[in-house]
Amino acid sequence: ISIVIPAYNVEKEIGACLDGLLAQVTPADEIIVVDDGSSDATRAIATSKGVRVLAQANRGAAAARNAGAENARGEIVLFIDGDSVPDAHWLAKMIAPFADSKVVGVSGEKKTRQKNLWARFIQEEYDYKYDRIAAHRNIDFVDSSTAAYRRDPFLANGGFDPALMEAEDVELSFRLAERGSTMILARDAIAWHTHPETLM
């Protein structure tokens, strides 16, 4: 089991993310931070946590995730963003669906503890999306901020499209779904996230 974190200038958040990953009830075999050309202390903080750190020139989150997956040793590769903090059972809940050999991808859910009205509105949108997705046994969208894939089919299908600066997870999910890949929503695999609190 490998966990990959694409990281660009997240010195204020990466420590909490890694602490959460290191405190998982079910530990990963390796944690890889891919520093995507940060100009702050992101790389130094990640290194101080004793995880594996890869560095590349700034090419975007999709390219960083792909680089992590290509260098990962795990049969299953999980992705989480550097500004999210996983629930202690996140990893265990994310990998449980892979007991079914047909499962290629798993999406967790992104939640927030914020009380700010705008942040709560954003979370309502996420919750509505998850409720709609959960109505189906197999899904066609895996959120890259809390995702897991079998490494071999992920790489065989080209991973995330690095030409896309956003929605690369949507594009990959639809591509996999069109090819008949089974993907599952793990509703109890929670990654805590801080949403924007203003429109700016």
N, C-alpha and C. Protein backbone atom coordinates (compact mmCIF):
# COMPACT_ATOMS: atom_id res chain seq x y z
N ILE A 1 0.84 -1.19 0.00
CA ILE A 1 0.00 0.00 0.00
C ILE A 1 0.88 1.24 0.00
N SER A 2 0.69 2.10 -1.00
CA SER A 2 1.44 3.35 -1.10
C SER A 2 0.47 4.53 -1.07
N ILE A 3 0.86 5.59 -0.38
CA ILE A 3 0.07 6.82 -0.37
C ILE A 3 0.90 7.91 -1.03
N VAL A 4 0.29 8.63 -1.97
CA VAL A 4 0.96 9.69 -2.70
C VAL A 4 0.27 11.03 -2.40
N ILE A 5 1.07 12.03 -2.05
CA ILE A 5 0.55 13.37 -1.78
C ILE A 5 1.22 14.35 -2.74
N PRO A 6 0.48 14.92 -3.70
CA PRO A 6 1.03 15.99 -4.52
C PRO A 6 1.08 17.25 -3.66
N ALA A 7 2.19 17.96 -3.67
CA ALA A 7 2.33 19.08 -2.74
C ALA A 7 2.97 20.30 -3.41
N TYR A 8 2.25 21.40 -3.38
CA TYR A 8 2.78 22.65 -3.92
C TYR A 8 2.49 23.78 -2.93
N ASN A 9 3.54 24.27 -2.27
CA ASN A 9 3.42 25.40 -1.33
C ASN A 9 2.33 25.17 -0.29
N VAL A 10 2.42 24.04 0.40
CA VAL A 10 1.44 23.73 1.45
C VAL A 10 2.14 23.59 2.81
N GLU A 11 3.11 24.47 3.06
CA GLU A 11 3.86 24.37 4.30
C GLU A 11 2.97 24.50 5.55
N LYS A 12 1.85 25.21 5.45
CA LYS A 12 0.97 25.39 6.60
C LYS A 12 0.09 24.17 6.86
N GLU A 13 -0.08 23.32 5.86
CA GLU A 13 -1.00 22.19 5.99
C GLU A 13 -0.35 20.81 5.94
N ILE A 14 0.80 20.69 5.28
CA ILE A 14 1.37 19.37 5.01
C ILE A 14 1.73 18.60 6.29
N GLY A 15 2.13 19.31 7.34
CA GLY A 15 2.48 18.64 8.59
C GLY A 15 1.29 17.90 9.19
N ALA A 16 0.13 18.54 9.22
CA ALA A 16 -1.07 17.91 9.77
C ALA A 16 -1.52 16.75 8.89
N CYS A 17 -1.39 16.90 7.58
CA CYS A 17 -1.74 15.81 6.67
C CYS A 17 -0.87 14.59 6.95
N LEU A 18 0.42 14.79 7.04
CA LEU A 18 1.33 13.67 7.26
C LEU A 18 1.17 13.07 8.65
N ASP A 19 0.93 13.90 9.65
CA ASP A 19 0.68 13.37 10.99
C ASP A 19 -0.54 12.45 10.98
N GLY A 20 -1.58 12.86 10.25
CA GLY A 20 -2.77 12.03 10.14
C GLY A 20 -2.49 10.72 9.44
N LEU A 21 -1.67 10.76 8.40
CA LEU A 21 -1.33 9.53 7.67
C LEU A 21 -0.46 8.61 8.51
N LEU A 22 0.44 9.17 9.27
CA LEU A 22 1.34 8.38 10.11
C LEU A 22 0.61 7.78 11.31
N ALA A 23 -0.58 8.32 11.64
CA ALA A 23 -1.34 7.83 12.79
C ALA A 23 -2.49 6.91 12.38
N GLN A 24 -2.49 6.43 11.15
CA GLN A 24 -3.57 5.57 10.68
C GLN A 24 -3.63 4.26 11.48
N VAL A 25 -4.84 3.81 11.74
CA VAL A 25 -5.04 2.54 12.43
C VAL A 25 -4.42 1.40 11.62
N THR A 26 -4.57 1.49 10.30
CA THR A 26 -3.91 0.56 9.38
C THR A 26 -2.80 1.33 8.68
N PRO A 27 -1.53 1.06 8.97
CA PRO A 27 -0.46 1.86 8.38
C PRO A 27 -0.20 1.51 6.92
N ALA A 28 0.25 2.50 6.18
CA ALA A 28 0.67 2.28 4.79
C ALA A 28 2.08 1.69 4.78
N ASP A 29 2.44 1.04 3.67
CA ASP A 29 3.80 0.54 3.53
C ASP A 29 4.77 1.66 3.17
N GLU A 30 4.26 2.68 2.49
CA GLU A 30 5.09 3.84 2.20
C GLU A 30 4.20 5.07 1.96
N ILE A 31 4.76 6.22 2.31
CA ILE A 31 4.12 7.51 2.06
C ILE A 31 5.07 8.32 1.20
N ILE A 32 4.57 8.82 0.07
CA ILE A 32 5.40 9.58 -0.86
C ILE A 32 4.83 10.97 -1.02
N VAL A 33 5.63 11.98 -0.72
CA VAL A 33 5.27 13.37 -1.02
C VAL A 33 5.99 13.76 -2.30
N VAL A 34 5.22 14.22 -3.29
CA VAL A 34 5.83 14.71 -4.52
C VAL A 34 5.79 16.23 -4.49
N ASP A 35 6.94 16.83 -4.21
CA ASP A 35 7.03 18.28 -4.14
C ASP A 35 7.03 18.84 -5.56
N ASP A 36 5.98 19.55 -5.89
CA ASP A 36 5.77 20.04 -7.25
C ASP A 36 6.34 21.44 -7.43
N GLY A 37 7.65 21.59 -7.14
CA GLY A 37 8.32 22.87 -7.34
C GLY A 37 7.97 23.92 -6.32
N SER A 38 7.72 23.52 -5.07
CA SER A 38 7.35 24.48 -4.03
C SER A 38 8.47 25.48 -3.78
N SER A 39 8.06 26.70 -3.42
CA SER A 39 9.03 27.74 -3.08
C SER A 39 9.03 28.03 -1.58
N ASP A 40 8.26 27.25 -0.83
CA ASP A 40 8.22 27.42 0.62
C ASP A 40 8.88 26.22 1.30
N ALA A 41 8.51 25.94 2.55
CA ALA A 41 9.18 24.88 3.32
C ALA A 41 8.49 23.53 3.19
N THR A 42 7.65 23.36 2.20
CA THR A 42 6.92 22.10 2.03
C THR A 42 7.85 20.89 2.05
N ARG A 43 8.91 20.93 1.23
CA ARG A 43 9.81 19.78 1.12
C ARG A 43 10.52 19.51 2.44
N ALA A 44 10.97 20.56 3.11
CA ALA A 44 11.69 20.38 4.37
C ALA A 44 10.79 19.77 5.44
N ILE A 45 9.54 20.22 5.51
CA ILE A 45 8.62 19.68 6.50
C ILE A 45 8.34 18.21 6.21
N ALA A 46 8.10 17.87 4.95
CA ALA A 46 7.85 16.48 4.59
C ALA A 46 9.05 15.60 4.93
N THR A 47 10.24 16.09 4.62
CA THR A 47 11.46 15.33 4.92
C THR A 47 11.60 15.10 6.43
N SER A 48 11.24 16.11 7.23
CA SER A 48 11.37 16.00 8.69
C SER A 48 10.43 14.94 9.27
N LYS A 49 9.40 14.58 8.53
CA LYS A 49 8.44 13.57 9.00
C LYS A 49 8.91 12.15 8.67
N GLY A 50 10.02 12.03 7.95
CA GLY A 50 10.57 10.71 7.66
C GLY A 50 9.89 9.97 6.52
N VAL A 51 9.11 10.68 5.70
CA VAL A 51 8.46 10.03 4.56
C VAL A 51 9.36 10.18 3.33
N ARG A 52 9.00 9.46 2.29
CA ARG A 52 9.76 9.52 1.03
C ARG A 52 9.36 10.80 0.29
N VAL A 53 10.35 11.57 -0.16
CA VAL A 53 10.07 12.83 -0.85
C VAL A 53 10.69 12.81 -2.24
N LEU A 54 9.85 13.06 -3.24
CA LEU A 54 10.31 13.23 -4.62
C LEU A 54 10.13 14.69 -4.99
N ALA A 55 10.98 15.19 -5.87
CA ALA A 55 10.88 16.59 -6.27
C ALA A 55 10.85 16.70 -7.78
N GLN A 56 10.04 17.63 -8.26
CA GLN A 56 9.98 17.91 -9.68
C GLN A 56 9.72 19.40 -9.88
N ALA A 57 10.02 19.90 -11.06
CA ALA A 57 9.65 21.27 -11.41
C ALA A 57 8.13 21.36 -11.41
N ASN A 58 7.60 22.54 -11.18
CA ASN A 58 6.16 22.73 -11.09
C ASN A 58 5.47 22.35 -12.39
N ARG A 59 4.69 21.26 -12.33
CA ARG A 59 3.98 20.75 -13.51
C ARG A 59 2.51 20.49 -13.23
N GLY A 60 2.07 20.74 -12.00
CA GLY A 60 0.68 20.55 -11.65
C GLY A 60 0.42 19.26 -10.89
N ALA A 61 -0.75 19.20 -10.25
CA ALA A 61 -1.08 18.07 -9.38
C ALA A 61 -1.19 16.76 -10.14
N ALA A 62 -1.73 16.80 -11.36
CA ALA A 62 -1.88 15.56 -12.13
C ALA A 62 -0.52 14.92 -12.39
N ALA A 63 0.43 15.72 -12.84
CA ALA A 63 1.78 15.21 -13.11
C ALA A 63 2.44 14.72 -11.82
N ALA A 64 2.21 15.43 -10.71
CA ALA A 64 2.80 15.02 -9.43
C ALA A 64 2.22 13.68 -8.98
N ARG A 65 0.92 13.52 -9.12
CA ARG A 65 0.31 12.23 -8.75
C ARG A 65 0.86 11.10 -9.61
N ASN A 66 0.96 11.35 -10.90
CA ASN A 66 1.49 10.32 -11.80
C ASN A 66 2.92 9.94 -11.42
N ALA A 67 3.74 10.94 -11.11
CA ALA A 67 5.13 10.66 -10.72
C ALA A 67 5.18 9.81 -9.46
N GLY A 68 4.30 10.12 -8.51
CA GLY A 68 4.25 9.32 -7.29
C GLY A 68 3.85 7.89 -7.57
N ALA A 69 2.83 7.70 -8.41
CA ALA A 69 2.37 6.35 -8.74
C ALA A 69 3.44 5.56 -9.49
N GLU A 70 4.14 6.22 -10.40
CA GLU A 70 5.19 5.55 -11.17
C GLU A 70 6.33 5.08 -10.27
N ASN A 71 6.58 5.81 -9.20
CA ASN A 71 7.68 5.47 -8.29
C ASN A 71 7.22 4.65 -7.08
N ALA A 72 5.93 4.43 -6.97
CA ALA A 72 5.40 3.70 -5.81
C ALA A 72 5.72 2.21 -5.91
N ARG A 73 5.83 1.58 -4.76
CA ARG A 73 6.09 0.15 -4.71
C ARG A 73 4.82 -0.65 -4.42
N GLY A 74 3.75 0.04 -4.03
CA GLY A 74 2.53 -0.64 -3.63
C GLY A 74 1.70 -1.14 -4.79
N GLU A 75 0.97 -2.19 -4.55
CA GLU A 75 0.01 -2.72 -5.53
C GLU A 75 -1.21 -1.82 -5.61
N ILE A 76 -1.53 -1.17 -4.48
CA ILE A 76 -2.61 -0.19 -4.42
C ILE A 76 -1.99 1.15 -4.07
N VAL A 77 -2.39 2.20 -4.82
CA VAL A 77 -1.87 3.55 -4.60
C VAL A 77 -3.04 4.45 -4.21
N LEU A 78 -2.88 5.13 -3.09
CA LEU A 78 -3.88 6.08 -2.63
C LEU A 78 -3.38 7.49 -2.84
N PHE A 79 -4.31 8.41 -3.10
CA PHE A 79 -3.98 9.81 -3.27
C PHE A 79 -4.78 10.64 -2.26
N ILE A 80 -4.11 11.60 -1.65
CA ILE A 80 -4.77 12.56 -0.79
C ILE A 80 -4.05 13.89 -0.97
N ASP A 81 -4.76 14.98 -0.87
CA ASP A 81 -4.15 16.29 -1.06
C ASP A 81 -3.44 16.74 0.21
N GLY A 82 -2.41 17.54 0.04
CA GLY A 82 -1.59 17.99 1.17
C GLY A 82 -2.30 18.91 2.13
N ASP A 83 -3.45 19.45 1.73
CA ASP A 83 -4.20 20.33 2.63
C ASP A 83 -5.39 19.61 3.26
N SER A 84 -5.39 18.28 3.22
CA SER A 84 -6.44 17.47 3.85
C SER A 84 -5.84 16.65 4.98
N VAL A 85 -6.67 16.31 5.95
CA VAL A 85 -6.24 15.47 7.08
C VAL A 85 -7.14 14.24 7.11
N PRO A 86 -6.58 13.04 6.97
CA PRO A 86 -7.41 11.84 6.95
C PRO A 86 -7.90 11.45 8.33
N ASP A 87 -9.13 10.95 8.37
CA ASP A 87 -9.63 10.31 9.57
C ASP A 87 -8.72 9.11 9.88
N ALA A 88 -8.64 8.73 11.13
CA ALA A 88 -7.72 7.65 11.53
C ALA A 88 -8.00 6.33 10.83
N HIS A 89 -9.23 6.12 10.38
CA HIS A 89 -9.60 4.88 9.70
C HIS A 89 -9.66 5.04 8.18
N TRP A 90 -9.23 6.20 7.67
CA TRP A 90 -9.33 6.49 6.24
C TRP A 90 -8.70 5.40 5.38
N LEU A 91 -7.46 5.04 5.67
CA LEU A 91 -6.77 4.04 4.85
C LEU A 91 -7.47 2.69 4.89
N ALA A 92 -7.85 2.24 6.07
CA ALA A 92 -8.52 0.95 6.19
C ALA A 92 -9.82 0.92 5.39
N LYS A 93 -10.58 2.00 5.47
CA LYS A 93 -11.86 2.07 4.75
C LYS A 93 -11.65 2.19 3.25
N MET A 94 -10.58 2.86 2.83
CA MET A 94 -10.30 3.03 1.40
C MET A 94 -9.90 1.73 0.73
N ILE A 95 -9.14 0.91 1.44
CA ILE A 95 -8.63 -0.31 0.80
C ILE A 95 -9.56 -1.50 0.94
N ALA A 96 -10.56 -1.41 1.85
CA ALA A 96 -11.46 -2.55 2.07
C ALA A 96 -12.16 -3.02 0.78
N PRO A 97 -12.65 -2.12 -0.09
CA PRO A 97 -13.33 -2.59 -1.30
C PRO A 97 -12.45 -3.41 -2.25
N PHE A 98 -11.12 -3.28 -2.12
CA PHE A 98 -10.23 -4.02 -3.01
C PHE A 98 -10.19 -5.51 -2.71
N ALA A 99 -10.90 -5.93 -1.66
CA ALA A 99 -11.06 -7.37 -1.42
C ALA A 99 -11.76 -8.02 -2.60
N ASP A 100 -12.54 -7.21 -3.33
CA ASP A 100 -13.15 -7.67 -4.58
C ASP A 100 -12.14 -7.41 -5.70
N SER A 101 -11.67 -8.47 -6.32
CA SER A 101 -10.61 -8.34 -7.32
C SER A 101 -11.03 -7.54 -8.54
N LYS A 102 -12.33 -7.32 -8.72
CA LYS A 102 -12.80 -6.55 -9.87
C LYS A 102 -12.67 -5.05 -9.66
N VAL A 103 -12.53 -4.62 -8.41
CA VAL A 103 -12.49 -3.18 -8.11
C VAL A 103 -11.16 -2.59 -8.54
N VAL A 104 -11.24 -1.51 -9.33
CA VAL A 104 -10.04 -0.81 -9.82
C VAL A 104 -9.82 0.50 -9.09
N GLY A 105 -10.91 1.18 -8.73
CA GLY A 105 -10.78 2.49 -8.08
C GLY A 105 -11.78 2.67 -6.96
N VAL A 106 -11.38 3.45 -5.95
CA VAL A 106 -12.24 3.75 -4.81
C VAL A 106 -12.14 5.23 -4.49
N SER A 107 -13.29 5.85 -4.25
CA SER A 107 -13.34 7.24 -3.82
C SER A 107 -13.79 7.31 -2.38
N GLY A 108 -13.13 8.13 -1.59
CA GLY A 108 -13.61 8.44 -0.25
C GLY A 108 -14.48 9.69 -0.31
N GLU A 109 -14.75 10.26 0.85
CA GLU A 109 -15.52 11.50 0.90
C GLU A 109 -14.73 12.60 1.59
N LYS A 110 -14.90 13.80 1.06
CA LYS A 110 -14.26 14.98 1.62
C LYS A 110 -15.26 15.69 2.52
N LYS A 111 -14.88 15.96 3.77
CA LYS A 111 -15.75 16.61 4.74
C LYS A 111 -15.03 17.82 5.35
N THR A 112 -15.79 18.63 6.07
CA THR A 112 -15.17 19.75 6.79
C THR A 112 -15.81 19.89 8.16
N ARG A 113 -15.05 20.45 9.08
CA ARG A 113 -15.57 20.76 10.42
C ARG A 113 -15.85 22.25 10.56
N GLN A 114 -15.68 23.00 9.49
CA GLN A 114 -15.85 24.45 9.54
C GLN A 114 -17.31 24.84 9.81
N LYS A 115 -17.48 25.96 10.51
CA LYS A 115 -18.81 26.50 10.79
C LYS A 115 -19.13 27.69 9.88
N ASN A 116 -18.12 28.21 9.18
CA ASN A 116 -18.32 29.33 8.28
C ASN A 116 -19.42 29.02 7.26
N LEU A 117 -20.30 29.99 7.01
CA LEU A 117 -21.46 29.76 6.16
C LEU A 117 -21.07 29.36 4.74
N TRP A 118 -20.09 30.05 4.16
CA TRP A 118 -19.68 29.75 2.79
C TRP A 118 -19.06 28.36 2.71
N ALA A 119 -18.23 28.01 3.69
CA ALA A 119 -17.63 26.68 3.72
C ALA A 119 -18.69 25.60 3.86
N ARG A 120 -19.72 25.88 4.69
CA ARG A 120 -20.80 24.92 4.85
C ARG A 120 -21.59 24.74 3.56
N PHE A 121 -21.76 25.84 2.82
CA PHE A 121 -22.45 25.76 1.53
C PHE A 121 -21.68 24.87 0.56
N ILE A 122 -20.35 25.05 0.53
CA ILE A 122 -19.51 24.20 -0.33
C ILE A 122 -19.66 22.74 0.07
N GLN A 123 -19.68 22.48 1.39
CA GLN A 123 -19.81 21.10 1.86
C GLN A 123 -21.17 20.51 1.48
N GLU A 124 -22.21 21.35 1.51
CA GLU A 124 -23.54 20.88 1.10
C GLU A 124 -23.51 20.39 -0.35
N GLU A 125 -22.76 21.09 -1.19
CA GLU A 125 -22.63 20.68 -2.58
C GLU A 125 -21.95 19.31 -2.68
N TYR A 126 -20.86 19.14 -1.90
CA TYR A 126 -20.18 17.85 -1.89
C TYR A 126 -21.11 16.74 -1.40
N ASP A 127 -21.83 17.01 -0.30
CA ASP A 127 -22.71 15.99 0.27
C ASP A 127 -23.80 15.59 -0.72
N TYR A 128 -24.34 16.58 -1.44
CA TYR A 128 -25.36 16.29 -2.45
C TYR A 128 -24.78 15.38 -3.53
N LYS A 129 -23.57 15.69 -3.96
CA LYS A 129 -22.92 14.86 -4.98
C LYS A 129 -22.71 13.43 -4.48
N TYR A 130 -22.22 13.29 -3.23
CA TYR A 130 -21.99 11.96 -2.69
C TYR A 130 -23.30 11.17 -2.57
N ASP A 131 -24.37 11.85 -2.14
CA ASP A 131 -25.66 11.18 -2.02
C ASP A 131 -26.13 10.65 -3.37
N ARG A 132 -25.95 11.44 -4.41
CA ARG A 132 -26.36 11.03 -5.75
C ARG A 132 -25.52 9.84 -6.23
N ILE A 133 -24.20 9.92 -6.00
CA ILE A 133 -23.30 8.85 -6.43
C ILE A 133 -23.61 7.55 -5.68
N ALA A 134 -23.91 7.69 -4.38
CA ALA A 134 -24.13 6.51 -3.53
C ALA A 134 -25.37 5.72 -3.92
N ALA A 135 -26.21 6.31 -4.74
CA ALA A 135 -27.40 5.60 -5.18
C ALA A 135 -27.06 4.46 -6.14
N HIS A 136 -25.81 4.40 -6.57
CA HIS A 136 -25.38 3.39 -7.53
C HIS A 136 -24.31 2.49 -6.91
N ARG A 137 -24.37 1.22 -7.20
CA ARG A 137 -23.35 0.28 -6.69
C ARG A 137 -21.98 0.62 -7.27
N ASN A 138 -21.91 0.81 -8.57
CA ASN A 138 -20.66 1.20 -9.22
C ASN A 138 -20.74 2.67 -9.61
N ILE A 139 -19.65 3.39 -9.45
CA ILE A 139 -19.64 4.82 -9.70
C ILE A 139 -18.78 5.14 -10.93
N ASP A 140 -18.90 6.37 -11.41
CA ASP A 140 -18.09 6.78 -12.55
C ASP A 140 -17.27 8.03 -12.23
N PHE A 141 -17.08 8.30 -10.91
CA PHE A 141 -16.25 9.44 -10.52
C PHE A 141 -15.50 9.12 -9.24
N VAL A 142 -14.18 9.24 -9.29
CA VAL A 142 -13.31 9.09 -8.12
C VAL A 142 -12.61 10.42 -7.89
N ASP A 143 -12.85 11.02 -6.72
CA ASP A 143 -12.29 12.33 -6.38
C ASP A 143 -10.81 12.17 -6.05
N SER A 144 -9.95 12.84 -6.81
CA SER A 144 -8.50 12.64 -6.65
C SER A 144 -7.98 13.08 -5.29
N SER A 145 -8.74 13.90 -4.56
CA SER A 145 -8.26 14.35 -3.25
C SER A 145 -8.43 13.29 -2.17
N THR A 146 -9.16 12.22 -2.47
CA THR A 146 -9.30 11.08 -1.57
C THR A 146 -9.62 9.86 -2.43
N ALA A 147 -8.57 9.29 -3.02
CA ALA A 147 -8.73 8.27 -4.06
C ALA A 147 -7.79 7.10 -3.84
N ALA A 148 -8.18 5.96 -4.40
CA ALA A 148 -7.30 4.78 -4.39
C ALA A 148 -7.50 4.03 -5.69
N TYR A 149 -6.40 3.53 -6.24
CA TYR A 149 -6.44 2.76 -7.49
C TYR A 149 -5.50 1.56 -7.38
N ARG A 150 -5.84 0.50 -8.10
CA ARG A 150 -4.84 -0.53 -8.32
C ARG A 150 -3.78 0.09 -9.23
N ARG A 151 -2.53 -0.04 -8.84
CA ARG A 151 -1.46 0.67 -9.55
C ARG A 151 -1.33 0.25 -11.01
N ASP A 152 -1.36 -1.04 -11.29
CA ASP A 152 -1.12 -1.49 -12.66
C ASP A 152 -2.17 -0.96 -13.65
N PRO A 153 -3.48 -1.10 -13.37
CA PRO A 153 -4.44 -0.53 -14.32
C PRO A 153 -4.41 0.99 -14.37
N PHE A 154 -4.07 1.63 -13.25
CA PHE A 154 -3.94 3.08 -13.25
C PHE A 154 -2.88 3.51 -14.25
N LEU A 155 -1.71 2.88 -14.18
CA LEU A 155 -0.62 3.24 -15.09
C LEU A 155 -0.90 2.78 -16.51
N ALA A 156 -1.51 1.60 -16.66
CA ALA A 156 -1.80 1.09 -18.00
C ALA A 156 -2.78 1.98 -18.74
N ASN A 157 -3.62 2.70 -18.00
CA ASN A 157 -4.58 3.61 -18.61
C ASN A 157 -4.07 5.05 -18.68
N GLY A 158 -2.79 5.25 -18.40
CA GLY A 158 -2.18 6.56 -18.58
C GLY A 158 -2.27 7.50 -17.41
N GLY A 159 -2.87 7.06 -16.29
CA GLY A 159 -2.98 7.93 -15.12
C GLY A 159 -3.77 9.19 -15.42
N PHE A 160 -3.48 10.24 -14.65
CA PHE A 160 -4.14 11.52 -14.85
C PHE A 160 -3.53 12.24 -16.05
N ASP A 161 -4.35 12.98 -16.77
CA ASP A 161 -3.86 13.73 -17.93
C ASP A 161 -3.15 14.99 -17.42
N PRO A 162 -1.82 15.07 -17.56
CA PRO A 162 -1.07 16.22 -17.02
C PRO A 162 -1.33 17.52 -17.77
N ALA A 163 -1.98 17.43 -18.93
CA ALA A 163 -2.31 18.64 -19.67
C ALA A 163 -3.49 19.38 -19.03
N LEU A 164 -4.21 18.70 -18.14
CA LEU A 164 -5.36 19.31 -17.48
C LEU A 164 -4.94 19.90 -16.14
N MET A 165 -5.28 21.15 -15.90
CA MET A 165 -4.94 21.80 -14.64
C MET A 165 -6.06 21.64 -13.61
N GLU A 166 -7.22 21.17 -14.05
CA GLU A 166 -8.31 20.84 -13.14
C GLU A 166 -9.19 19.79 -13.81
N ALA A 167 -10.02 19.14 -13.01
CA ALA A 167 -10.94 18.10 -13.49
C ALA A 167 -10.22 16.90 -14.10
N GLU A 168 -8.93 16.73 -13.79
CA GLU A 168 -8.22 15.56 -14.31
C GLU A 168 -8.77 14.27 -13.70
N ASP A 169 -9.34 14.38 -12.49
CA ASP A 169 -9.94 13.20 -11.87
C ASP A 169 -11.24 12.82 -12.57
N VAL A 170 -11.99 13.82 -13.02
CA VAL A 170 -13.23 13.55 -13.76
C VAL A 170 -12.90 12.84 -15.07
N GLU A 171 -11.90 13.38 -15.78
CA GLU A 171 -11.53 12.81 -17.08
C GLU A 171 -11.05 11.37 -16.93
N LEU A 172 -10.20 11.10 -15.94
CA LEU A 172 -9.70 9.73 -15.73
C LEU A 172 -10.85 8.80 -15.35
N SER A 173 -11.72 9.27 -14.45
CA SER A 173 -12.84 8.43 -14.01
C SER A 173 -13.73 8.04 -15.18
N PHE A 174 -14.08 9.01 -16.02
CA PHE A 174 -14.94 8.71 -17.16
C PHE A 174 -14.23 7.77 -18.13
N ARG A 175 -12.93 7.96 -18.30
CA ARG A 175 -12.17 7.09 -19.21
C ARG A 175 -12.18 5.65 -18.69
N LEU A 176 -11.98 5.48 -17.39
CA LEU A 176 -11.99 4.14 -16.81
C LEU A 176 -13.39 3.53 -16.87
N ALA A 177 -14.41 4.34 -16.59
CA ALA A 177 -15.78 3.84 -16.63
C ALA A 177 -16.16 3.37 -18.04
N GLU A 178 -15.74 4.13 -19.03
CA GLU A 178 -16.03 3.75 -20.42
C GLU A 178 -15.38 2.42 -20.80
N ARG A 179 -14.28 2.09 -20.12
CA ARG A 179 -13.58 0.84 -20.39
C ARG A 179 -14.04 -0.29 -19.49
N GLY A 180 -15.11 -0.05 -18.74
CA GLY A 180 -15.71 -1.10 -17.94
C GLY A 180 -15.08 -1.33 -16.58
N SER A 181 -14.26 -0.41 -16.11
CA SER A 181 -13.61 -0.57 -14.80
C SER A 181 -14.62 -0.39 -13.67
N THR A 182 -14.50 -1.21 -12.65
CA THR A 182 -15.37 -1.10 -11.48
C THR A 182 -14.78 -0.13 -10.47
N MET A 183 -15.58 0.87 -10.09
CA MET A 183 -15.16 1.86 -9.10
C MET A 183 -16.24 1.97 -8.03
N ILE A 184 -15.82 2.20 -6.79
CA ILE A 184 -16.71 2.14 -5.63
C ILE A 184 -16.56 3.41 -4.79
N LEU A 185 -17.67 3.86 -4.18
CA LEU A 185 -17.63 4.96 -3.22
C LEU A 185 -17.58 4.37 -1.81
N ALA A 186 -16.54 4.73 -1.05
CA ALA A 186 -16.42 4.31 0.36
C ALA A 186 -16.86 5.48 1.22
N ARG A 187 -18.12 5.50 1.63
CA ARG A 187 -18.69 6.66 2.31
C ARG A 187 -18.08 6.92 3.68
N ASP A 188 -17.51 5.89 4.30
CA ASP A 188 -16.95 6.07 5.64
C ASP A 188 -15.44 6.32 5.61
N ALA A 189 -14.88 6.54 4.42
CA ALA A 189 -13.46 6.91 4.29
C ALA A 189 -13.40 8.42 4.18
N ILE A 190 -13.10 9.08 5.30
CA ILE A 190 -13.24 10.54 5.38
C ILE A 190 -11.89 11.25 5.37
N ALA A 191 -11.79 12.25 4.51
CA ALA A 191 -10.64 13.17 4.52
C ALA A 191 -11.18 14.55 4.91
N TRP A 192 -10.66 15.11 5.99
CA TRP A 192 -11.12 16.41 6.47
C TRP A 192 -10.40 17.51 5.71
N HIS A 193 -11.17 18.45 5.20
CA HIS A 193 -10.63 19.48 4.32
C HIS A 193 -11.09 20.86 4.80
N THR A 194 -10.27 21.87 4.55
CA THR A 194 -10.63 23.25 4.84
C THR A 194 -11.06 23.92 3.54
N HIS A 195 -12.35 24.19 3.43
CA HIS A 195 -12.87 24.82 2.23
C HIS A 195 -12.63 26.34 2.26
N PRO A 196 -12.65 27.01 1.13
CA PRO A 196 -12.58 28.48 1.13
C PRO A 196 -13.72 29.07 1.94
N GLU A 197 -13.43 30.19 2.61
CA GLU A 197 -14.46 30.83 3.45
C GLU A 197 -14.96 32.13 2.85
N THR A 198 -14.44 32.49 1.68
CA THR A 198 -14.92 33.66 0.97
C THR A 198 -14.96 33.34 -0.52
N LEU A 199 -15.55 34.24 -1.29
CA LEU A 199 -15.59 34.06 -2.75
C LEU A 199 -14.24 34.32 -3.38
N MET A 200 -13.37 35.04 -2.72
CA MET A 200 -12.07 35.40 -3.28
C MET A 200 -11.01 34.38 -2.89
